[in-house]
Amino acid sequence: AETSKFGADVTEQPTTCIIKPPTEIKPMCEIETYDDHRIAMTFALAACAGVPVKILDPGCTSKTFPTYFKELSRVTLDADGR
């Protein structure tokens, strides 16, 4: 469901999931993490490609990587390119 918010075409089957990437990514998606750190960490990477995204529960990463967003900010640029 969260991948579809970016405009991807997602087909779920009993044992597979087929994801066709969008031709254009929809910005400003609000991503629900469902208290799953993997979702928060994965979709945060979209911001590294310049896609504005809002992670609704970024604190869920504290389970496995409490400093994830701090570390991610060390290797990315802010909106001003710094």
PDB file of N, CA and C in Angstrom:
ATOM      1  N   ALA A   1       0.822  -1.201   0.000  1.00  0.00           N
ATOM      2  CA  ALA A   1       0.000   0.000   0.000  1.00  0.00           C
ATOM      3  C   ALA A   1       0.860   1.256   0.000  1.00  0.00           C
ATOM      4  N   GLU A   2       1.928   1.248   0.782  1.00  0.00           N
ATOM      5  CA  GLU A   2       2.762   2.451   0.880  1.00  0.00           C
ATOM      6  C   GLU A   2       3.490   2.717  -0.438  1.00  0.00           C
ATOM      7  N   THR A   3       3.910   1.685  -1.130  1.00  0.00           N
ATOM      8  CA  THR A   3       4.605   1.857  -2.413  1.00  0.00           C
ATOM      9  C   THR A   3       3.675   2.492  -3.447  1.00  0.00           C
ATOM     10  N   SER A   4       2.411   2.147  -3.382  1.00  0.00           N
ATOM     11  CA  SER A   4       1.433   2.719  -4.314  1.00  0.00           C
ATOM     12  C   SER A   4       1.300   4.221  -4.136  1.00  0.00           C
ATOM     13  N   LYS A   5       1.549   4.718  -2.937  1.00  0.00           N
ATOM     14  CA  LYS A   5       1.458   6.154  -2.692  1.00  0.00           C
ATOM     15  C   LYS A   5       2.448   6.943  -3.539  1.00  0.00           C
ATOM     16  N   PHE A   6       3.551   6.305  -3.906  1.00  0.00           N
ATOM     17  CA  PHE A   6       4.553   6.959  -4.758  1.00  0.00           C
ATOM     18  C   PHE A   6       4.180   6.872  -6.235  1.00  0.00           C
ATOM     19  N   GLY A   7       3.112   6.129  -6.534  1.00  0.00           N
ATOM     20  CA  GLY A   7       2.669   5.997  -7.917  1.00  0.00           C
ATOM     21  C   GLY A   7       3.020   4.668  -8.550  1.00  0.00           C
ATOM     22  N   ALA A   8       3.607   3.751  -7.807  1.00  0.00           N
ATOM     23  CA  ALA A   8       3.949   2.441  -8.338  1.00  0.00           C
ATOM     24  C   ALA A   8       2.691   1.597  -8.503  1.00  0.00           C
ATOM     25  N   ASP A   9       2.731   0.705  -9.466  1.00  0.00           N
ATOM     26  CA  ASP A   9       1.647  -0.247  -9.681  1.00  0.00           C
ATOM     27  C   ASP A   9       2.043  -1.534  -8.971  1.00  0.00           C
ATOM     28  N   VAL A  10       1.289  -1.916  -7.949  1.00  0.00           N
ATOM     29  CA  VAL A  10       1.629  -3.072  -7.132  1.00  0.00           C
ATOM     30  C   VAL A  10       0.578  -4.156  -7.297  1.00  0.00           C
ATOM     31  N   THR A  11       1.038  -5.356  -7.626  1.00  0.00           N
ATOM     32  CA  THR A  11       0.164  -6.511  -7.744  1.00  0.00           C
ATOM     33  C   THR A  11       0.623  -7.555  -6.743  1.00  0.00           C
ATOM     34  N   GLU A  12      -0.244  -7.862  -5.791  1.00  0.00           N
ATOM     35  CA  GLU A  12       0.085  -8.878  -4.790  1.00  0.00           C
ATOM     36  C   GLU A  12      -0.505 -10.205  -5.216  1.00  0.00           C
ATOM     37  N   GLN A  13       0.331 -11.249  -5.143  1.00  0.00           N
ATOM     38  CA  GLN A  13      -0.085 -12.600  -5.455  1.00  0.00           C
ATOM     39  C   GLN A  13       0.207 -13.466  -4.237  1.00  0.00           C
ATOM     40  N   PRO A  14      -0.266 -14.691  -4.194  1.00  0.00           N
ATOM     41  CA  PRO A  14      -0.084 -15.518  -2.997  1.00  0.00           C
ATOM     42  C   PRO A  14       1.363 -15.651  -2.518  1.00  0.00           C
ATOM     43  N   THR A  15       2.297 -15.759  -3.438  1.00  0.00           N
ATOM     44  CA  THR A  15       3.698 -15.954  -3.025  1.00  0.00           C
ATOM     45  C   THR A  15       4.651 -14.900  -3.564  1.00  0.00           C
ATOM     46  N   THR A  16       4.135 -13.912  -4.269  1.00  0.00           N
ATOM     47  CA  THR A  16       4.991 -12.871  -4.830  1.00  0.00           C
ATOM     48  C   THR A  16       4.306 -11.514  -4.774  1.00  0.00           C
ATOM     49  N   CYS A  17       5.089 -10.504  -5.008  1.00  0.00           N
ATOM     50  CA  CYS A  17       4.599  -9.141  -5.114  1.00  0.00           C
ATOM     51  C   CYS A  17       5.304  -8.522  -6.317  1.00  0.00           C
ATOM     52  N   ILE A  18       4.538  -8.078  -7.288  1.00  0.00           N
ATOM     53  CA  ILE A  18       5.107  -7.479  -8.492  1.00  0.00           C
ATOM     54  C   ILE A  18       4.937  -5.972  -8.388  1.00  0.00           C
ATOM     55  N   ILE A  19       6.061  -5.254  -8.471  1.00  0.00           N
ATOM     56  CA  ILE A  19       6.033  -3.794  -8.364  1.00  0.00           C
ATOM     57  C   ILE A  19       6.563  -3.196  -9.652  1.00  0.00           C
ATOM     58  N   LYS A  20       5.707  -2.452 -10.328  1.00  0.00           N
ATOM     59  CA  LYS A  20       6.115  -1.725 -11.531  1.00  0.00           C
ATOM     60  C   LYS A  20       6.355  -0.286 -11.108  1.00  0.00           C
ATOM     61  N   PRO A  21       7.587   0.206 -11.300  1.00  0.00           N
ATOM     62  CA  PRO A  21       7.889   1.570 -10.847  1.00  0.00           C
ATOM     63  C   PRO A  21       7.094   2.613 -11.623  1.00  0.00           C
ATOM     64  N   PRO A  22       6.827   3.721 -10.980  1.00  0.00           N
ATOM     65  CA  PRO A  22       6.086   4.787 -11.663  1.00  0.00           C
ATOM     66  C   PRO A  22       6.985   5.511 -12.659  1.00  0.00           C
ATOM     67  N   THR A  23       6.369   6.121 -13.651  1.00  0.00           N
ATOM     68  CA  THR A  23       7.144   6.940 -14.582  1.00  0.00           C
ATOM     69  C   THR A  23       7.532   8.250 -13.918  1.00  0.00           C
ATOM     70  N   GLU A  24       6.695   8.688 -12.977  1.00  0.00           N
ATOM     71  CA  GLU A  24       6.993   9.896 -12.205  1.00  0.00           C
ATOM     72  C   GLU A  24       6.587   9.639 -10.757  1.00  0.00           C
ATOM     73  N   ILE A  25       7.489   9.918  -9.838  1.00  0.00           N
ATOM     74  CA  ILE A  25       7.222   9.677  -8.423  1.00  0.00           C
ATOM     75  C   ILE A  25       6.392  10.817  -7.850  1.00  0.00           C
ATOM     76  N   LYS A  26       5.345  10.458  -7.133  1.00  0.00           N
ATOM     77  CA  LYS A  26       4.499  11.457  -6.491  1.00  0.00           C
ATOM     78  C   LYS A  26       5.189  11.951  -5.219  1.00  0.00           C
ATOM     79  N   PRO A  27       5.385  13.248  -5.094  1.00  0.00           N
ATOM     80  CA  PRO A  27       6.030  13.782  -3.884  1.00  0.00           C
ATOM     81  C   PRO A  27       5.047  13.960  -2.731  1.00  0.00           C
ATOM     82  N   MET A  28       5.588  14.251  -1.579  1.00  0.00           N
ATOM     83  CA  MET A  28       4.843  14.567  -0.361  1.00  0.00           C
ATOM     84  C   MET A  28       3.951  13.422   0.127  1.00  0.00           C
ATOM     85  N   CYS A  29       4.390  12.200  -0.084  1.00  0.00           N
ATOM     86  CA  CYS A  29       3.634  11.056   0.412  1.00  0.00           C
ATOM     87  C   CYS A  29       3.807  10.943   1.916  1.00  0.00           C
ATOM     88  N   GLU A  30       2.745  10.564   2.582  1.00  0.00           N
ATOM     89  CA  GLU A  30       2.810  10.277   4.012  1.00  0.00           C
ATOM     90  C   GLU A  30       2.869   8.768   4.167  1.00  0.00           C
ATOM     91  N   ILE A  31       3.959   8.290   4.724  1.00  0.00           N
ATOM     92  CA  ILE A  31       4.185   6.857   4.824  1.00  0.00           C
ATOM     93  C   ILE A  31       3.853   6.362   6.228  1.00  0.00           C
ATOM     94  N   GLU A  32       2.899   5.462   6.301  1.00  0.00           N
ATOM     95  CA  GLU A  32       2.556   4.804   7.560  1.00  0.00           C
ATOM     96  C   GLU A  32       3.537   3.650   7.753  1.00  0.00           C
ATOM     97  N   THR A  33       4.146   3.584   8.906  1.00  0.00           N
ATOM     98  CA  THR A  33       5.161   2.540   9.142  1.00  0.00           C
ATOM     99  C   THR A  33       4.576   1.266   9.723  1.00  0.00           C
ATOM    100  N   TYR A  34       3.390   1.336  10.272  1.00  0.00           N
ATOM    101  CA  TYR A  34       2.780   0.174  10.927  1.00  0.00           C
ATOM    102  C   TYR A  34       3.704  -0.375  12.018  1.00  0.00           C
ATOM    103  N   ASP A  35       4.452   0.529  12.655  1.00  0.00           N
ATOM    104  CA  ASP A  35       5.414   0.199  13.701  1.00  0.00           C
ATOM    105  C   ASP A  35       6.509  -0.752  13.211  1.00  0.00           C
ATOM    106  N   ASP A  36       6.825  -0.659  11.927  1.00  0.00           N
ATOM    107  CA  ASP A  36       7.843  -1.518  11.309  1.00  0.00           C
ATOM    108  C   ASP A  36       9.032  -0.662  10.889  1.00  0.00           C
ATOM    109  N   HIS A  37      10.150  -0.853  11.568  1.00  0.00           N
ATOM    110  CA  HIS A  37      11.347  -0.058  11.299  1.00  0.00           C
ATOM    111  C   HIS A  37      11.831  -0.202   9.862  1.00  0.00           C
ATOM    112  N   ARG A  38      11.596  -1.336   9.241  1.00  0.00           N
ATOM    113  CA  ARG A  38      12.061  -1.556   7.862  1.00  0.00           C
ATOM    114  C   ARG A  38      11.344  -0.633   6.888  1.00  0.00           C
ATOM    115  N   ILE A  39      10.065  -0.381   7.126  1.00  0.00           N
ATOM    116  CA  ILE A  39       9.315   0.521   6.253  1.00  0.00           C
ATOM    117  C   ILE A  39       9.838   1.943   6.403  1.00  0.00           C
ATOM    118  N   ALA A  40      10.035   2.377   7.631  1.00  0.00           N
ATOM    119  CA  ALA A  40      10.539   3.735   7.871  1.00  0.00           C
ATOM    120  C   ALA A  40      11.905   3.931   7.223  1.00  0.00           C
ATOM    121  N   MET A  41      12.778   2.958   7.405  1.00  0.00           N
ATOM    122  CA  MET A  41      14.138   3.080   6.876  1.00  0.00           C
ATOM    123  C   MET A  41      14.158   3.032   5.349  1.00  0.00           C
ATOM    124  N   THR A  42      13.336   2.177   4.776  1.00  0.00           N
ATOM    125  CA  THR A  42      13.299   2.039   3.319  1.00  0.00           C
ATOM    126  C   THR A  42      12.776   3.305   2.647  1.00  0.00           C
ATOM    127  N   PHE A  43      11.644   3.795   3.126  1.00  0.00           N
ATOM    128  CA  PHE A  43      11.049   4.953   2.470  1.00  0.00           C
ATOM    129  C   PHE A  43      11.791   6.245   2.771  1.00  0.00           C
ATOM    130  N   ALA A  44      12.558   6.288   3.840  1.00  0.00           N
ATOM    131  CA  ALA A  44      13.397   7.454   4.109  1.00  0.00           C
ATOM    132  C   ALA A  44      14.439   7.618   3.014  1.00  0.00           C
ATOM    133  N   LEU A  45      14.821   6.529   2.395  1.00  0.00           N
ATOM    134  CA  LEU A  45      15.809   6.602   1.316  1.00  0.00           C
ATOM    135  C   LEU A  45      15.280   7.341   0.091  1.00  0.00           C
ATOM    136  N   ALA A  46      13.972   7.381  -0.084  1.00  0.00           N
ATOM    137  CA  ALA A  46      13.397   8.136  -1.207  1.00  0.00           C
ATOM    138  C   ALA A  46      13.790   9.603  -1.112  1.00  0.00           C
ATOM    139  N   ALA A  47      13.887  10.092   0.106  1.00  0.00           N
ATOM    140  CA  ALA A  47      14.291  11.488   0.295  1.00  0.00           C
ATOM    141  C   ALA A  47      15.711  11.725  -0.206  1.00  0.00           C
ATOM    142  N   CYS A  48      16.527  10.702  -0.191  1.00  0.00           N
ATOM    143  CA  CYS A  48      17.896  10.830  -0.703  1.00  0.00           C
ATOM    144  C   CYS A  48      17.909  11.073  -2.209  1.00  0.00           C
ATOM    145  N   ALA A  49      16.825  10.709  -2.869  1.00  0.00           N
ATOM    146  CA  ALA A  49      16.708  10.928  -4.307  1.00  0.00           C
ATOM    147  C   ALA A  49      15.958  12.225  -4.597  1.00  0.00           C
ATOM    148  N   GLY A  50      15.740  13.027  -3.567  1.00  0.00           N
ATOM    149  CA  GLY A  50      15.104  14.319  -3.754  1.00  0.00           C
ATOM    150  C   GLY A  50      13.585  14.279  -3.743  1.00  0.00           C
ATOM    151  N   VAL A  51      13.004  13.183  -3.285  1.00  0.00           N
ATOM    152  CA  VAL A  51      11.550  13.065  -3.225  1.00  0.00           C
ATOM    153  C   VAL A  51      11.080  13.415  -1.819  1.00  0.00           C
ATOM    154  N   PRO A  52      10.316  14.491  -1.664  1.00  0.00           N
ATOM    155  CA  PRO A  52       9.814  14.829  -0.331  1.00  0.00           C
ATOM    156  C   PRO A  52       8.885  13.727   0.178  1.00  0.00           C
ATOM    157  N   VAL A  53       9.156  13.255   1.375  1.00  0.00           N
ATOM    158  CA  VAL A  53       8.365  12.179   1.972  1.00  0.00           C
ATOM    159  C   VAL A  53       8.229  12.449   3.466  1.00  0.00           C
ATOM    160  N   LYS A  54       7.090  12.062   4.029  1.00  0.00           N
ATOM    161  CA  LYS A  54       6.890  12.230   5.467  1.00  0.00           C
ATOM    162  C   LYS A  54       6.691  10.848   6.082  1.00  0.00           C
ATOM    163  N   ILE A  55       7.589  10.458   6.966  1.00  0.00           N
ATOM    164  CA  ILE A  55       7.478   9.202   7.680  1.00  0.00           C
ATOM    165  C   ILE A  55       6.653   9.477   8.937  1.00  0.00           C
ATOM    166  N   LEU A  56       5.508   8.835   9.071  1.00  0.00           N
ATOM    167  CA  LEU A  56       4.589   9.162  10.154  1.00  0.00           C
ATOM    168  C   LEU A  56       5.056   8.683  11.526  1.00  0.00           C
ATOM    169  N   ASP A  57       5.874   7.662  11.582  1.00  0.00           N
ATOM    170  CA  ASP A  57       6.375   7.189  12.874  1.00  0.00           C
ATOM    171  C   ASP A  57       7.859   6.866  12.769  1.00  0.00           C
ATOM    172  N   PRO A  58       8.701   7.882  12.599  1.00  0.00           N
ATOM    173  CA  PRO A  58      10.130   7.613  12.449  1.00  0.00           C
ATOM    174  C   PRO A  58      10.763   6.987  13.689  1.00  0.00           C
ATOM    175  N   GLY A  59      10.126   7.168  14.848  1.00  0.00           N
ATOM    176  CA  GLY A  59      10.669   6.622  16.079  1.00  0.00           C
ATOM    177  C   GLY A  59      10.681   5.102  16.134  1.00  0.00           C
ATOM    178  N   CYS A  60       9.964   4.447  15.227  1.00  0.00           N
ATOM    179  CA  CYS A  60       9.947   2.989  15.240  1.00  0.00           C
ATOM    180  C   CYS A  60      11.310   2.395  14.885  1.00  0.00           C
ATOM    181  N   THR A  61      12.192   3.214  14.324  1.00  0.00           N
ATOM    182  CA  THR A  61      13.533   2.706  14.000  1.00  0.00           C
ATOM    183  C   THR A  61      14.378   2.487  15.250  1.00  0.00           C
ATOM    184  N   SER A  62      13.921   2.997  16.376  1.00  0.00           N
ATOM    185  CA  SER A  62      14.705   2.858  17.607  1.00  0.00           C
ATOM    186  C   SER A  62      14.838   1.405  18.052  1.00  0.00           C
ATOM    187  N   LYS A  63      14.004   0.521  17.538  1.00  0.00           N
ATOM    188  CA  LYS A  63      14.085  -0.903  17.874  1.00  0.00           C
ATOM    189  C   LYS A  63      15.429  -1.500  17.488  1.00  0.00           C
ATOM    190  N   THR A  64      15.875  -1.155  16.287  1.00  0.00           N
ATOM    191  CA  THR A  64      17.082  -1.799  15.754  1.00  0.00           C
ATOM    192  C   THR A  64      18.216  -0.824  15.460  1.00  0.00           C
ATOM    193  N   PHE A  65      17.877   0.444  15.250  1.00  0.00           N
ATOM    194  CA  PHE A  65      18.898   1.416  14.846  1.00  0.00           C
ATOM    195  C   PHE A  65      18.460   2.780  15.368  1.00  0.00           C
ATOM    196  N   PRO A  66      18.628   3.022  16.663  1.00  0.00           N
ATOM    197  CA  PRO A  66      18.130   4.256  17.284  1.00  0.00           C
ATOM    198  C   PRO A  66      18.652   5.538  16.642  1.00  0.00           C
ATOM    199  N   THR A  67      19.812   5.504  16.065  1.00  0.00           N
ATOM    200  CA  THR A  67      20.400   6.711  15.475  1.00  0.00           C
ATOM    201  C   THR A  67      20.282   6.738  13.953  1.00  0.00           C
ATOM    202  N   TYR A  68      19.350   5.966  13.403  1.00  0.00           N
ATOM    203  CA  TYR A  68      19.238   5.848  11.944  1.00  0.00           C
ATOM    204  C   TYR A  68      19.125   7.209  11.256  1.00  0.00           C
ATOM    205  N   PHE A  69      18.196   8.032  11.680  1.00  0.00           N
ATOM    206  CA  PHE A  69      17.983   9.307  10.991  1.00  0.00           C
ATOM    207  C   PHE A  69      19.142  10.275  11.222  1.00  0.00           C
ATOM    208  N   LYS A  70      19.768  10.192  12.352  1.00  0.00           N
ATOM    209  CA  LYS A  70      20.961  11.012  12.597  1.00  0.00           C
ATOM    210  C   LYS A  70      22.075  10.594  11.643  1.00  0.00           C
ATOM    211  N   GLU A  71      22.285   9.292  11.512  1.00  0.00           N
ATOM    212  CA  GLU A  71      23.325   8.793  10.610  1.00  0.00           C
ATOM    213  C   GLU A  71      22.980   9.095   9.158  1.00  0.00           C
ATOM    214  N   LEU A  72      21.716   8.947   8.799  1.00  0.00           N
ATOM    215  CA  LEU A  72      21.302   9.252   7.430  1.00  0.00           C
ATOM    216  C   LEU A  72      21.550  10.717   7.107  1.00  0.00           C
ATOM    217  N   SER A  73      21.309  11.590   8.061  1.00  0.00           N
ATOM    218  CA  SER A  73      21.534  13.021   7.821  1.00  0.00           C
ATOM    219  C   SER A  73      23.013  13.342   7.625  1.00  0.00           C
ATOM    220  N   ARG A  74      23.878  12.501   8.137  1.00  0.00           N
ATOM    221  CA  ARG A  74      25.319  12.727   7.974  1.00  0.00           C
ATOM    222  C   ARG A  74      25.792  12.464   6.545  1.00  0.00           C
ATOM    223  N   VAL A  75      25.027  11.682   5.796  1.00  0.00           N
ATOM    224  CA  VAL A  75      25.452  11.329   4.437  1.00  0.00           C
ATOM    225  C   VAL A  75      24.543  11.922   3.363  1.00  0.00           C
ATOM    226  N   THR A  76      23.626  12.809   3.773  1.00  0.00           N
ATOM    227  CA  THR A  76      22.721  13.437   2.825  1.00  0.00           C
ATOM    228  C   THR A  76      22.792  14.956   2.956  1.00  0.00           C
ATOM    229  N   LEU A  77      22.233  15.632   1.984  1.00  0.00           N
ATOM    230  CA  LEU A  77      22.180  17.083   1.991  1.00  0.00           C
ATOM    231  C   LEU A  77      20.819  17.553   2.474  1.00  0.00           C
ATOM    232  N   ASP A  78      20.772  18.727   3.083  1.00  0.00           N
ATOM    233  CA  ASP A  78      19.490  19.277   3.461  1.00  0.00           C
ATOM    234  C   ASP A  78      18.863  19.996   2.255  1.00  0.00           C
ATOM    235  N   ALA A  79      17.718  20.599   2.444  1.00  0.00           N
ATOM    236  CA  ALA A  79      17.002  21.268   1.360  1.00  0.00           C
ATOM    237  C   ALA A  79      17.809  22.395   0.729  1.00  0.00           C
ATOM    238  N   ASP A  80      18.755  22.978   1.477  1.00  0.00           N
ATOM    239  CA  ASP A  80      19.595  24.050   0.957  1.00  0.00           C
ATOM    240  C   ASP A  80      20.865  23.540   0.293  1.00  0.00           C
ATOM    241  N   GLY A  81      21.012  22.205   0.217  1.00  0.00           N
ATOM    242  CA  GLY A  81      22.196  21.632  -0.409  1.00  0.00           C
ATOM    243  C   GLY A  81      23.408  21.590   0.473  1.00  0.00           C
ATOM    244  N   ARG A  82      23.205  21.702   1.802  1.00  0.00           N
ATOM    245  CA  ARG A  82      24.320  21.638   2.727  1.00  0.00           C
ATOM    246  C   ARG A  82      24.354  20.321   3.448  1.00  0.00           C
TER     247      ARG A  82
END
